[in-house]
Amino acid sequence: MSFKQEEDERRGKFIILENGTPAGEMTYVWAGKNKFIIDHTETYETYGGKGYGKKLVMKGIEYAKEKGVKIIPLCPYAKKVMESDETLSEMIFK
């Protein structure tokens, strides 16, 4: 399993790869310079049940920490993951 990131100045996504094949993605949109919005997290059907959705959200959180920014989790799944752990919820923009 590995990750690939695609990004331009406005939006981006993390793609999770299993043996080089895309297995899911998490998309985000920049909302200013200090935060981004996670708007969608998806694990492709044949890769369900492997925890890839959570791994994608965690990759987004890791990226936010590296950049020193916060996250607005509009994606219900990302919001659930982030609110389930106090250390992760600290990354939510309030």
Protein backbone atom coordinates (compact mmCIF):
# COMPACT_ATOMS: atom_id res chain seq x y z
CA MET A 1 0.00 0.00 0.00
CA SER A 2 1.24 3.47 -0.88
CA PHE A 3 -0.10 6.98 -1.44
CA LYS A 4 0.01 9.40 -4.33
CA GLN A 5 -0.85 13.08 -3.99
CA GLU A 6 -2.12 15.35 -6.74
CA GLU A 7 -2.49 19.06 -6.02
CA ASP A 8 -2.75 22.43 -7.67
CA GLU A 9 -3.07 25.84 -6.00
CA ARG A 10 -6.79 25.34 -5.23
CA ARG A 11 -7.53 21.62 -4.71
CA GLY A 12 -5.96 18.24 -4.35
CA LYS A 13 -6.39 14.61 -3.49
CA PHE A 14 -4.66 11.67 -1.94
CA ILE A 15 -4.98 8.36 -3.76
CA ILE A 16 -4.30 5.11 -1.93
CA LEU A 17 -2.67 2.45 -4.10
CA GLU A 18 -2.65 -1.30 -3.60
CA ASN A 19 0.10 -2.89 -5.69
CA GLY A 20 0.13 0.25 -7.86
CA THR A 21 -3.64 0.18 -8.50
CA PRO A 22 -5.87 2.98 -7.13
CA ALA A 23 -8.00 1.64 -4.26
CA GLY A 24 -9.59 4.89 -3.04
CA GLU A 25 -9.19 8.64 -2.73
CA MET A 26 -9.75 11.60 -0.45
CA THR A 27 -10.31 15.00 -2.04
CA TYR A 28 -9.80 18.43 -0.52
CA VAL A 29 -10.16 22.10 -1.42
CA TRP A 30 -8.05 24.91 0.02
CA ALA A 31 -10.08 27.49 1.96
CA GLY A 32 -7.52 30.24 2.36
CA LYS A 33 -3.92 29.73 3.43
CA ASN A 34 -4.52 28.25 6.88
CA LYS A 35 -7.08 25.49 6.24
CA PHE A 36 -8.47 23.04 3.73
CA ILE A 37 -11.81 21.26 3.40
CA ILE A 38 -11.98 17.47 3.13
CA ASP A 39 -15.02 17.14 0.90
CA HIS A 40 -14.97 13.47 -0.08
CA THR A 41 -13.45 10.17 1.01
CA GLU A 42 -14.05 7.01 -0.99
CA THR A 43 -12.73 3.47 -1.01
CA TYR A 44 -13.41 1.75 -4.31
CA GLU A 45 -15.84 -1.15 -4.05
CA THR A 46 -13.46 -4.07 -4.45
CA TYR A 47 -11.15 -2.64 -1.74
CA GLY A 48 -13.75 -2.12 1.00
CA GLY A 49 -13.20 -3.38 4.52
CA LYS A 50 -9.43 -2.85 4.54
CA GLY A 51 -9.40 0.41 6.51
CA TYR A 52 -8.29 2.43 3.49
CA GLY A 53 -10.80 5.22 4.15
CA LYS A 54 -9.33 5.87 7.59
CA LYS A 55 -5.79 5.64 6.21
CA LEU A 56 -6.69 8.34 3.66
CA VAL A 57 -8.09 10.64 6.36
CA MET A 58 -4.99 10.06 8.48
CA LYS A 59 -2.80 10.95 5.48
CA GLY A 60 -4.74 14.21 5.14
CA ILE A 61 -4.21 14.96 8.84
CA GLU A 62 -0.49 14.21 8.51
CA TYR A 63 -0.32 16.61 5.54
CA ALA A 64 -2.15 19.33 7.51
CA LYS A 65 0.30 18.95 10.40
CA GLU A 66 3.27 19.23 8.02
CA LYS A 67 1.80 22.41 6.52
CA GLY A 68 0.77 23.86 9.91
CA VAL A 69 -2.88 24.20 8.85
CA LYS A 70 -6.29 23.01 10.08
CA ILE A 71 -9.03 20.95 8.43
CA ILE A 72 -12.73 21.52 7.86
CA PRO A 73 -14.13 17.96 7.55
CA LEU A 74 -17.27 18.37 5.41
CA CYS A 75 -17.06 14.73 4.40
CA PRO A 76 -19.16 12.87 7.00
CA TYR A 77 -16.67 10.00 7.19
CA ALA A 78 -13.67 12.31 7.72
CA LYS A 79 -15.63 14.20 10.38
CA LYS A 80 -16.47 10.95 12.20
CA VAL A 81 -12.83 9.83 12.17
CA MET A 82 -11.55 13.20 13.36
CA GLU A 83 -14.14 13.62 16.12
CA SER A 84 -13.56 10.08 17.45
CA ASP A 85 -10.12 10.91 18.84
CA GLU A 86 -9.23 14.00 20.88
CA THR A 87 -5.77 14.30 19.34
CA LEU A 88 -7.30 14.23 15.85
CA SER A 89 -10.12 16.64 16.74
CA GLU A 90 -7.48 19.25 17.57
CA MET A 91 -6.84 19.49 13.83
CA ILE A 92 -10.42 20.62 13.11
CA PHE A 93 -10.73 24.31 12.20
CA LYS A 94 -13.12 26.02 14.63
